Amino acid sequence: MSTVEVRAFAKLHLLFKERKWHNPVIMPLPKPMSADELRCKLNLSSEDVEAVFINHKVSPLTTILHGGERVAFVPPGIPSIHRYWLGFYNEEKS
């Protein structure tokens, strides 16, 4: 069975701590699934996830994971200059 390494930042990191999960947490991936399906499997609300990094690149939540990826979920609220540097700056949301 494949796995993915999942990291959480800011308030999501605190949620991982509340749940007594490691950061990163290694999640089994019994079949290919989208990053959004993984978000659901982790019981993270869509309102709590603004961006996802897959293998260090901002990616759509529709990206299919096959195993071996490094996934990081980022919540809303990251200051604007960091949003730009990280690659998920969106003028409509800023």
PDB file of N, CA and C in Angstrom:
ATOM      1  N   MET A   1       0.845  -1.175   0.000  1.00  0.00           N
ATOM      2  CA  MET A   1       0.000   0.000   0.000  1.00  0.00           C
ATOM      3  C   MET A   1       0.891   1.239   0.000  1.00  0.00           C
ATOM      4  N   SER A   2       0.515   2.214  -0.795  1.00  0.00           N
ATOM      5  CA  SER A   2       1.259   3.468  -0.880  1.00  0.00           C
ATOM      6  C   SER A   2       0.903   4.378   0.292  1.00  0.00           C
ATOM      7  N   THR A   3       1.754   5.362   0.520  1.00  0.00           N
ATOM      8  CA  THR A   3       1.509   6.355   1.561  1.00  0.00           C
ATOM      9  C   THR A   3       1.829   7.744   1.028  1.00  0.00           C
ATOM     10  N   VAL A   4       1.326   8.768   1.712  1.00  0.00           N
ATOM     11  CA  VAL A   4       1.704  10.148   1.455  1.00  0.00           C
ATOM     12  C   VAL A   4       2.099  10.767   2.784  1.00  0.00           C
ATOM     13  N   GLU A   5       3.023  11.713   2.711  1.00  0.00           N
ATOM     14  CA  GLU A   5       3.447  12.463   3.884  1.00  0.00           C
ATOM     15  C   GLU A   5       2.635  13.754   3.906  1.00  0.00           C
ATOM     16  N   VAL A   6       1.930  13.996   5.007  1.00  0.00           N
ATOM     17  CA  VAL A   6       1.049  15.155   5.098  1.00  0.00           C
ATOM     18  C   VAL A   6       1.531  16.085   6.204  1.00  0.00           C
ATOM     19  N   ARG A   7       1.710  17.365   5.848  1.00  0.00           N
ATOM     20  CA  ARG A   7       2.086  18.399   6.805  1.00  0.00           C
ATOM     21  C   ARG A   7       0.958  19.414   6.908  1.00  0.00           C
ATOM     22  N   ALA A   8       0.925  20.085   8.044  1.00  0.00           N
ATOM     23  CA  ALA A   8      -0.069  21.134   8.260  1.00  0.00           C
ATOM     24  C   ALA A   8       0.635  22.358   8.822  1.00  0.00           C
ATOM     25  N   PHE A   9       0.132  23.525   8.448  1.00  0.00           N
ATOM     26  CA  PHE A   9       0.739  24.779   8.885  1.00  0.00           C
ATOM     27  C   PHE A   9      -0.266  25.625   9.656  1.00  0.00           C
ATOM     28  N   ALA A  10       0.273  26.544  10.475  1.00  0.00           N
ATOM     29  CA  ALA A  10      -0.503  27.520  11.236  1.00  0.00           C
ATOM     30  C   ALA A  10      -1.587  26.816  12.054  1.00  0.00           C
ATOM     31  N   LYS A  11      -2.849  27.262  11.912  1.00  0.00           N
ATOM     32  CA  LYS A  11      -3.894  26.687  12.769  1.00  0.00           C
ATOM     33  C   LYS A  11      -4.145  25.215  12.464  1.00  0.00           C
ATOM     34  N   LEU A  12      -3.834  24.764  11.258  1.00  0.00           N
ATOM     35  CA  LEU A  12      -3.978  23.340  10.962  1.00  0.00           C
ATOM     36  C   LEU A  12      -2.942  22.525  11.737  1.00  0.00           C
ATOM     37  N   HIS A  13      -1.771  23.097  11.950  1.00  0.00           N
ATOM     38  CA  HIS A  13      -0.754  22.431  12.773  1.00  0.00           C
ATOM     39  C   HIS A  13      -1.289  22.233  14.193  1.00  0.00           C
ATOM     40  N   LEU A  14      -1.969  23.259  14.711  1.00  0.00           N
ATOM     41  CA  LEU A  14      -2.566  23.146  16.052  1.00  0.00           C
ATOM     42  C   LEU A  14      -3.644  22.071  16.079  1.00  0.00           C
ATOM     43  N   LEU A  15      -4.411  21.957  15.006  1.00  0.00           N
ATOM     44  CA  LEU A  15      -5.422  20.916  14.918  1.00  0.00           C
ATOM     45  C   LEU A  15      -4.776  19.529  14.934  1.00  0.00           C
ATOM     46  N   PHE A  16      -3.689  19.364  14.204  1.00  0.00           N
ATOM     47  CA  PHE A  16      -2.960  18.094  14.226  1.00  0.00           C
ATOM     48  C   PHE A  16      -2.516  17.776  15.656  1.00  0.00           C
ATOM     49  N   LYS A  17      -2.012  18.783  16.371  1.00  0.00           N
ATOM     50  CA  LYS A  17      -1.579  18.567  17.758  1.00  0.00           C
ATOM     51  C   LYS A  17      -2.753  18.161  18.643  1.00  0.00           C
ATOM     52  N   GLU A  18      -3.910  18.829  18.467  1.00  0.00           N
ATOM     53  CA  GLU A  18      -5.107  18.472  19.239  1.00  0.00           C
ATOM     54  C   GLU A  18      -5.483  17.017  19.016  1.00  0.00           C
ATOM     55  N   ARG A  19      -5.335  16.572  17.790  1.00  0.00           N
ATOM     56  CA  ARG A  19      -5.687  15.195  17.442  1.00  0.00           C
ATOM     57  C   ARG A  19      -4.578  14.205  17.788  1.00  0.00           C
ATOM     58  N   LYS A  20      -3.494  14.750  18.347  1.00  0.00           N
ATOM     59  CA  LYS A  20      -2.326  13.928  18.742  1.00  0.00           C
ATOM     60  C   LYS A  20      -1.696  13.219  17.546  1.00  0.00           C
ATOM     61  N   TRP A  21      -1.680  13.927  16.416  1.00  0.00           N
ATOM     62  CA  TRP A  21      -1.037  13.436  15.205  1.00  0.00           C
ATOM     63  C   TRP A  21       0.356  14.018  15.111  1.00  0.00           C
ATOM     64  N   HIS A  22       1.244  13.279  14.497  1.00  0.00           N
ATOM     65  CA  HIS A  22       2.568  13.808  14.189  1.00  0.00           C
ATOM     66  C   HIS A  22       2.429  14.815  13.056  1.00  0.00           C
ATOM     67  N   ASN A  23       3.424  15.667  12.923  1.00  0.00           N
ATOM     68  CA  ASN A  23       3.462  16.607  11.786  1.00  0.00           C
ATOM     69  C   ASN A  23       4.885  16.549  11.242  1.00  0.00           C
ATOM     70  N   PRO A  24       5.142  15.767  10.214  1.00  0.00           N
ATOM     71  CA  PRO A  24       4.162  15.215   9.283  1.00  0.00           C
ATOM     72  C   PRO A  24       3.543  13.913   9.790  1.00  0.00           C
ATOM     73  N   VAL A  25       2.376  13.636   9.247  1.00  0.00           N
ATOM     74  CA  VAL A  25       1.699  12.365   9.482  1.00  0.00           C
ATOM     75  C   VAL A  25       1.805  11.564   8.183  1.00  0.00           C
ATOM     76  N   ILE A  26       2.080  10.291   8.325  1.00  0.00           N
ATOM     77  CA  ILE A  26       2.143   9.408   7.153  1.00  0.00           C
ATOM     78  C   ILE A  26       0.778   8.730   7.021  1.00  0.00           C
ATOM     79  N   MET A  27       0.131   9.011   5.892  1.00  0.00           N
ATOM     80  CA  MET A  27      -1.216   8.480   5.660  1.00  0.00           C
ATOM     81  C   MET A  27      -1.179   7.365   4.616  1.00  0.00           C
ATOM     82  N   PRO A  28      -1.860   6.263   4.885  1.00  0.00           N
ATOM     83  CA  PRO A  28      -1.969   5.227   3.863  1.00  0.00           C
ATOM     84  C   PRO A  28      -2.813   5.736   2.700  1.00  0.00           C
ATOM     85  N   LEU A  29      -2.449   5.322   1.536  1.00  0.00           N
ATOM     86  CA  LEU A  29      -3.187   5.707   0.325  1.00  0.00           C
ATOM     87  C   LEU A  29      -3.562   4.410  -0.389  1.00  0.00           C
ATOM     88  N   PRO A  30      -4.731   3.849  -0.037  1.00  0.00           N
ATOM     89  CA  PRO A  30      -5.100   2.547  -0.597  1.00  0.00           C
ATOM     90  C   PRO A  30      -5.346   2.584  -2.100  1.00  0.00           C
ATOM     91  N   LYS A  31      -5.673   3.768  -2.627  1.00  0.00           N
ATOM     92  CA  LYS A  31      -5.907   3.923  -4.073  1.00  0.00           C
ATOM     93  C   LYS A  31      -5.609   5.371  -4.411  1.00  0.00           C
ATOM     94  N   PRO A  32      -5.347   5.688  -5.673  1.00  0.00           N
ATOM     95  CA  PRO A  32      -5.143   7.087  -6.046  1.00  0.00           C
ATOM     96  C   PRO A  32      -6.365   7.919  -5.650  1.00  0.00           C
ATOM     97  N   MET A  33      -6.101   9.121  -5.146  1.00  0.00           N
ATOM     98  CA  MET A  33      -7.184  10.029  -4.768  1.00  0.00           C
ATOM     99  C   MET A  33      -6.719  11.460  -4.942  1.00  0.00           C
ATOM    100  N   SER A  34      -7.659  12.373  -5.036  1.00  0.00           N
ATOM    101  CA  SER A  34      -7.311  13.782  -5.182  1.00  0.00           C
ATOM    102  C   SER A  34      -6.858  14.339  -3.832  1.00  0.00           C
ATOM    103  N   ALA A  35      -6.158  15.449  -3.881  1.00  0.00           N
ATOM    104  CA  ALA A  35      -5.748  16.119  -2.650  1.00  0.00           C
ATOM    105  C   ALA A  35      -6.985  16.515  -1.848  1.00  0.00           C
ATOM    106  N   ASP A  36      -8.075  16.865  -2.535  1.00  0.00           N
ATOM    107  CA  ASP A  36      -9.308  17.215  -1.836  1.00  0.00           C
ATOM    108  C   ASP A  36      -9.912  16.002  -1.143  1.00  0.00           C
ATOM    109  N   GLU A  37      -9.841  14.840  -1.765  1.00  0.00           N
ATOM    110  CA  GLU A  37     -10.322  13.614  -1.108  1.00  0.00           C
ATOM    111  C   GLU A  37      -9.478  13.310   0.126  1.00  0.00           C
ATOM    112  N   LEU A  38      -8.176  13.565   0.030  1.00  0.00           N
ATOM    113  CA  LEU A  38      -7.308  13.380   1.189  1.00  0.00           C
ATOM    114  C   LEU A  38      -7.697  14.361   2.292  1.00  0.00           C
ATOM    115  N   ARG A  39      -7.989  15.607   1.908  1.00  0.00           N
ATOM    116  CA  ARG A  39      -8.442  16.605   2.884  1.00  0.00           C
ATOM    117  C   ARG A  39      -9.667  16.088   3.621  1.00  0.00           C
ATOM    118  N   CYS A  40     -10.618  15.542   2.884  1.00  0.00           N
ATOM    119  CA  CYS A  40     -11.830  14.979   3.494  1.00  0.00           C
ATOM    120  C   CYS A  40     -11.502  13.802   4.405  1.00  0.00           C
ATOM    121  N   LYS A  41     -10.605  12.935   3.938  1.00  0.00           N
ATOM    122  CA  LYS A  41     -10.208  11.758   4.727  1.00  0.00           C
ATOM    123  C   LYS A  41      -9.582  12.193   6.061  1.00  0.00           C
ATOM    124  N   LEU A  42      -8.901  13.339   6.046  1.00  0.00           N
ATOM    125  CA  LEU A  42      -8.294  13.875   7.268  1.00  0.00           C
ATOM    126  C   LEU A  42      -9.293  14.682   8.103  1.00  0.00           C
ATOM    127  N   ASN A  43     -10.517  14.787   7.604  1.00  0.00           N
ATOM    128  CA  ASN A  43     -11.559  15.544   8.283  1.00  0.00           C
ATOM    129  C   ASN A  43     -11.160  17.014   8.490  1.00  0.00           C
ATOM    130  N   LEU A  44     -10.610  17.614   7.425  1.00  0.00           N
ATOM    131  CA  LEU A  44     -10.293  19.043   7.421  1.00  0.00           C
ATOM    132  C   LEU A  44     -11.372  19.731   6.596  1.00  0.00           C
ATOM    133  N   SER A  45     -11.981  20.770   7.145  1.00  0.00           N
ATOM    134  CA  SER A  45     -13.051  21.442   6.400  1.00  0.00           C
ATOM    135  C   SER A  45     -12.463  22.235   5.236  1.00  0.00           C
ATOM    136  N   SER A  46     -13.268  22.396   4.203  1.00  0.00           N
ATOM    137  CA  SER A  46     -12.804  23.154   3.034  1.00  0.00           C
ATOM    138  C   SER A  46     -12.523  24.608   3.402  1.00  0.00           C
ATOM    139  N   GLU A  47     -13.217  25.147   4.397  1.00  0.00           N
ATOM    140  CA  GLU A  47     -12.976  26.523   4.835  1.00  0.00           C
ATOM    141  C   GLU A  47     -11.624  26.670   5.534  1.00  0.00           C
ATOM    142  N   ASP A  48     -11.084  25.571   6.038  1.00  0.00           N
ATOM    143  CA  ASP A  48      -9.807  25.606   6.754  1.00  0.00           C
ATOM    144  C   ASP A  48      -8.601  25.380   5.851  1.00  0.00           C
ATOM    145  N   VAL A  49      -8.827  25.140   4.569  1.00  0.00           N
ATOM    146  CA  VAL A  49      -7.716  24.887   3.644  1.00  0.00           C
ATOM    147  C   VAL A  49      -7.811  25.870   2.482  1.00  0.00           C
ATOM    148  N   GLU A  50      -6.804  26.743   2.390  1.00  0.00           N
ATOM    149  CA  GLU A  50      -6.781  27.699   1.283  1.00  0.00           C
ATOM    150  C   GLU A  50      -5.926  27.207   0.132  1.00  0.00           C
ATOM    151  N   ALA A  51      -4.856  26.498   0.465  1.00  0.00           N
ATOM    152  CA  ALA A  51      -3.932  26.046  -0.574  1.00  0.00           C
ATOM    153  C   ALA A  51      -3.357  24.694  -0.184  1.00  0.00           C
ATOM    154  N   VAL A  52      -2.880  23.996  -1.206  1.00  0.00           N
ATOM    155  CA  VAL A  52      -2.196  22.731  -0.966  1.00  0.00           C
ATOM    156  C   VAL A  52      -0.901  22.735  -1.779  1.00  0.00           C
ATOM    157  N   PHE A  53       0.145  22.299  -1.137  1.00  0.00           N
ATOM    158  CA  PHE A  53       1.420  22.103  -1.807  1.00  0.00           C
ATOM    159  C   PHE A  53       1.590  20.601  -2.000  1.00  0.00           C
ATOM    160  N   ILE A  54       1.980  20.222  -3.195  1.00  0.00           N
ATOM    161  CA  ILE A  54       2.296  18.822  -3.468  1.00  0.00           C
ATOM    162  C   ILE A  54       3.711  18.797  -4.011  1.00  0.00           C
ATOM    163  N   ASN A  55       4.581  18.115  -3.291  1.00  0.00           N
ATOM    164  CA  ASN A  55       6.004  18.072  -3.633  1.00  0.00           C
ATOM    165  C   ASN A  55       6.572  19.479  -3.820  1.00  0.00           C
ATOM    166  N   HIS A  56       6.254  20.345  -2.868  1.00  0.00           N
ATOM    167  CA  HIS A  56       6.799  21.712  -2.770  1.00  0.00           C
ATOM    168  C   HIS A  56       6.241  22.699  -3.779  1.00  0.00           C
ATOM    169  N   LYS A  57       5.183  22.345  -4.509  1.00  0.00           N
ATOM    170  CA  LYS A  57       4.585  23.258  -5.486  1.00  0.00           C
ATOM    171  C   LYS A  57       3.113  23.440  -5.186  1.00  0.00           C
ATOM    172  N   VAL A  58       2.636  24.690  -5.289  1.00  0.00           N
ATOM    173  CA  VAL A  58       1.206  24.930  -5.136  1.00  0.00           C
ATOM    174  C   VAL A  58       0.492  24.165  -6.233  1.00  0.00           C
ATOM    175  N   SER A  59      -0.542  23.431  -5.845  1.00  0.00           N
ATOM    176  CA  SER A  59      -1.263  22.578  -6.792  1.00  0.00           C
ATOM    177  C   SER A  59      -2.762  22.696  -6.551  1.00  0.00           C
ATOM    178  N   PRO A  60      -3.545  22.409  -7.566  1.00  0.00           N
ATOM    179  CA  PRO A  60      -4.998  22.384  -7.367  1.00  0.00           C
ATOM    180  C   PRO A  60      -5.393  21.223  -6.455  1.00  0.00           C
ATOM    181  N   LEU A  61      -6.466  21.397  -5.728  1.00  0.00           N
ATOM    182  CA  LEU A  61      -6.968  20.319  -4.869  1.00  0.00           C
ATOM    183  C   LEU A  61      -7.451  19.122  -5.681  1.00  0.00           C
ATOM    184  N   THR A  62      -7.617  19.310  -6.977  1.00  0.00           N
ATOM    185  CA  THR A  62      -8.049  18.205  -7.844  1.00  0.00           C
ATOM    186  C   THR A  62      -6.882  17.311  -8.274  1.00  0.00           C
ATOM    187  N   THR A  63      -5.655  17.690  -7.912  1.00  0.00           N
ATOM    188  CA  THR A  63      -4.477  16.895  -8.281  1.00  0.00           C
ATOM    189  C   THR A  63      -4.584  15.494  -7.693  1.00  0.00           C
ATOM    190  N   ILE A  64      -4.342  14.501  -8.525  1.00  0.00           N
ATOM    191  CA  ILE A  64      -4.430  13.101  -8.085  1.00  0.00           C
ATOM    192  C   ILE A  64      -3.111  12.679  -7.448  1.00  0.00           C
ATOM    193  N   LEU A  65      -3.240  12.099  -6.269  1.00  0.00           N
ATOM    194  CA  LEU A  65      -2.094  11.560  -5.521  1.00  0.00           C
ATOM    195  C   LEU A  65      -2.009  10.061  -5.790  1.00  0.00           C
ATOM    196  N   HIS A  66      -0.796   9.571  -6.039  1.00  0.00           N
ATOM    197  CA  HIS A  66      -0.605   8.150  -6.336  1.00  0.00           C
ATOM    198  C   HIS A  66       0.206   7.444  -5.260  1.00  0.00           C
ATOM    199  N   GLY A  67       0.774   8.200  -4.348  1.00  0.00           N
ATOM    200  CA  GLY A  67       1.621   7.640  -3.306  1.00  0.00           C
ATOM    201  C   GLY A  67       3.031   8.160  -3.465  1.00  0.00           C
ATOM    202  N   GLY A  68       3.668   8.418  -2.345  1.00  0.00           N
ATOM    203  CA  GLY A  68       5.026   8.929  -2.357  1.00  0.00           C
ATOM    204  C   GLY A  68       5.103  10.450  -2.348  1.00  0.00           C
ATOM    205  N   GLU A  69       3.967  11.133  -2.488  1.00  0.00           N
ATOM    206  CA  GLU A  69       3.983  12.593  -2.503  1.00  0.00           C
ATOM    207  C   GLU A  69       4.140  13.166  -1.093  1.00  0.00           C
ATOM    208  N   ARG A  70       4.624  14.397  -1.072  1.00  0.00           N
ATOM    209  CA  ARG A  70       4.662  15.195   0.159  1.00  0.00           C
ATOM    210  C   ARG A  70       3.599  16.268  -0.007  1.00  0.00           C
ATOM    211  N   VAL A  71       2.608  16.251   0.862  1.00  0.00           N
ATOM    212  CA  VAL A  71       1.450  17.136   0.764  1.00  0.00           C
ATOM    213  C   VAL A  71       1.436  18.055   1.979  1.00  0.00           C
ATOM    214  N   ALA A  72       1.179  19.343   1.744  1.00  0.00           N
ATOM    215  CA  ALA A  72       1.078  20.297   2.847  1.00  0.00           C
ATOM    216  C   ALA A  72      -0.174  21.135   2.663  1.00  0.00           C
ATOM    217  N   PHE A  73      -1.020  21.146   3.674  1.00  0.00           N
ATOM    218  CA  PHE A  73      -2.232  21.955   3.649  1.00  0.00           C
ATOM    219  C   PHE A  73      -1.966  23.275   4.364  1.00  0.00           C
ATOM    220  N   VAL A  74      -2.415  24.372   3.740  1.00  0.00           N
ATOM    221  CA  VAL A  74      -2.197  25.714   4.282  1.00  0.00           C
ATOM    222  C   VAL A  74      -3.562  26.359   4.517  1.00  0.00           C
ATOM    223  N   PRO A  75      -3.788  26.890   5.726  1.00  0.00           N
ATOM    224  CA  PRO A  75      -5.073  27.531   6.015  1.00  0.00           C
ATOM    225  C   PRO A  75      -5.107  28.968   5.513  1.00  0.00           C
ATOM    226  N   PRO A  76      -6.291  29.570   5.474  1.00  0.00           N
ATOM    227  CA  PRO A  76      -6.386  30.992   5.145  1.00  0.00           C
ATOM    228  C   PRO A  76      -5.702  31.816   6.236  1.00  0.00           C
ATOM    229  N   GLY A  77      -5.353  33.036   5.895  1.00  0.00           N
ATOM    230  CA  GLY A  77      -4.802  33.939   6.897  1.00  0.00           C
ATOM    231  C   GLY A  77      -3.308  34.167   6.797  1.00  0.00           C
ATOM    232  N   ILE A  78      -2.657  33.554   5.830  1.00  0.00           N
ATOM    233  CA  ILE A  78      -1.237  33.788   5.633  1.00  0.00           C
ATOM    234  C   ILE A  78      -1.077  35.233   5.140  1.00  0.00           C
ATOM    235  N   PRO A  79      -0.180  36.033   5.718  1.00  0.00           N
ATOM    236  CA  PRO A  79      -0.011  37.426   5.285  1.00  0.00           C
ATOM    237  C   PRO A  79       0.280  37.536   3.787  1.00  0.00           C
ATOM    238  N   SER A  80      -0.159  38.634   3.190  1.00  0.00           N
ATOM    239  CA  SER A  80      -0.159  38.786   1.732  1.00  0.00           C
ATOM    240  C   SER A  80       1.206  38.596   1.083  1.00  0.00           C
ATOM    241  N   ILE A  81       2.270  39.147   1.636  1.00  0.00           N
ATOM    242  CA  ILE A  81       3.580  39.011   0.982  1.00  0.00           C
ATOM    243  C   ILE A  81       4.018  37.551   0.950  1.00  0.00           C
ATOM    244  N   HIS A  82       3.698  36.803   1.994  1.00  0.00           N
ATOM    245  CA  HIS A  82       4.053  35.382   2.013  1.00  0.00           C
ATOM    246  C   HIS A  82       3.206  34.594   1.018  1.00  0.00           C
ATOM    247  N   ARG A  83       1.960  35.018   0.844  1.00  0.00           N
ATOM    248  CA  ARG A  83       1.082  34.364  -0.133  1.00  0.00           C
ATOM    249  C   ARG A  83       1.685  34.490  -1.528  1.00  0.00           C
ATOM    250  N   TYR A  84       2.206  35.649  -1.828  1.00  0.00           N
ATOM    251  CA  TYR A  84       2.830  35.893  -3.132  1.00  0.00           C
ATOM    252  C   TYR A  84       4.072  35.020  -3.295  1.00  0.00           C
ATOM    253  N   TRP A  85       4.941  35.020  -2.286  1.00  0.00           N
ATOM    254  CA  TRP A  85       6.175  34.224  -2.366  1.00  0.00           C
ATOM    255  C   TRP A  85       5.873  32.739  -2.472  1.00  0.00           C
ATOM    256  N   LEU A  86       4.838  32.305  -1.779  1.00  0.00           N
ATOM    257  CA  LEU A  86       4.503  30.884  -1.795  1.00  0.00           C
ATOM    258  C   LEU A  86       3.789  30.456  -3.070  1.00  0.00           C
ATOM    259  N   GLY A  87       3.273  31.427  -3.830  1.00  0.00           N
ATOM    260  CA  GLY A  87       2.694  31.103  -5.126  1.00  0.00           C
ATOM    261  C   GLY A  87       1.197  30.936  -5.152  1.00  0.00           C
ATOM    262  N   PHE A  88       0.493  31.294  -4.069  1.00  0.00           N
ATOM    263  CA  PHE A  88      -0.957  31.178  -4.123  1.00  0.00           C
ATOM    264  C   PHE A  88      -1.646  32.523  -3.937  1.00  0.00           C
ATOM    265  N   TYR A  89      -0.966  33.578  -4.354  1.00  0.00           N
ATOM    266  CA  TYR A  89      -1.533  34.919  -4.339  1.00  0.00           C
ATOM    267  C   TYR A  89      -2.685  34.989  -5.330  1.00  0.00           C
ATOM    268  N   ASN A  90      -3.788  35.539  -4.894  1.00  0.00           N
ATOM    269  CA  ASN A  90      -4.958  35.686  -5.757  1.00  0.00           C
ATOM    270  C   ASN A  90      -5.536  37.063  -5.472  1.00  0.00           C
ATOM    271  N   GLU A  91      -5.464  37.978  -6.446  1.00  0.00           N
ATOM    272  CA  GLU A  91      -5.910  39.345  -6.249  1.00  0.00           C
ATOM    273  C   GLU A  91      -7.363  39.411  -5.803  1.00  0.00           C
ATOM    274  N   GLU A  92      -8.200  38.493  -6.280  1.00  0.00           N
ATOM    275  CA  GLU A  92      -9.606  38.521  -5.912  1.00  0.00           C
ATOM    276  C   GLU A  92      -9.804  38.180  -4.449  1.00  0.00           C
ATOM    277  N   LYS A  93      -8.926  37.356  -3.869  1.00  0.00           N
ATOM    278  CA  LYS A  93      -9.077  36.934  -2.470  1.00  0.00           C
ATOM    279  C   LYS A  93      -8.335  37.862  -1.509  1.00  0.00           C
ATOM    280  N   SER A  94      -7.371  38.615  -1.996  1.00  0.00           N
ATOM    281  CA  SER A  94      -6.530  39.417  -1.108  1.00  0.00           C
ATOM    282  C   SER A  94      -7.247  40.623  -0.579  1.00  0.00           C
TER     283      SER A  94
END
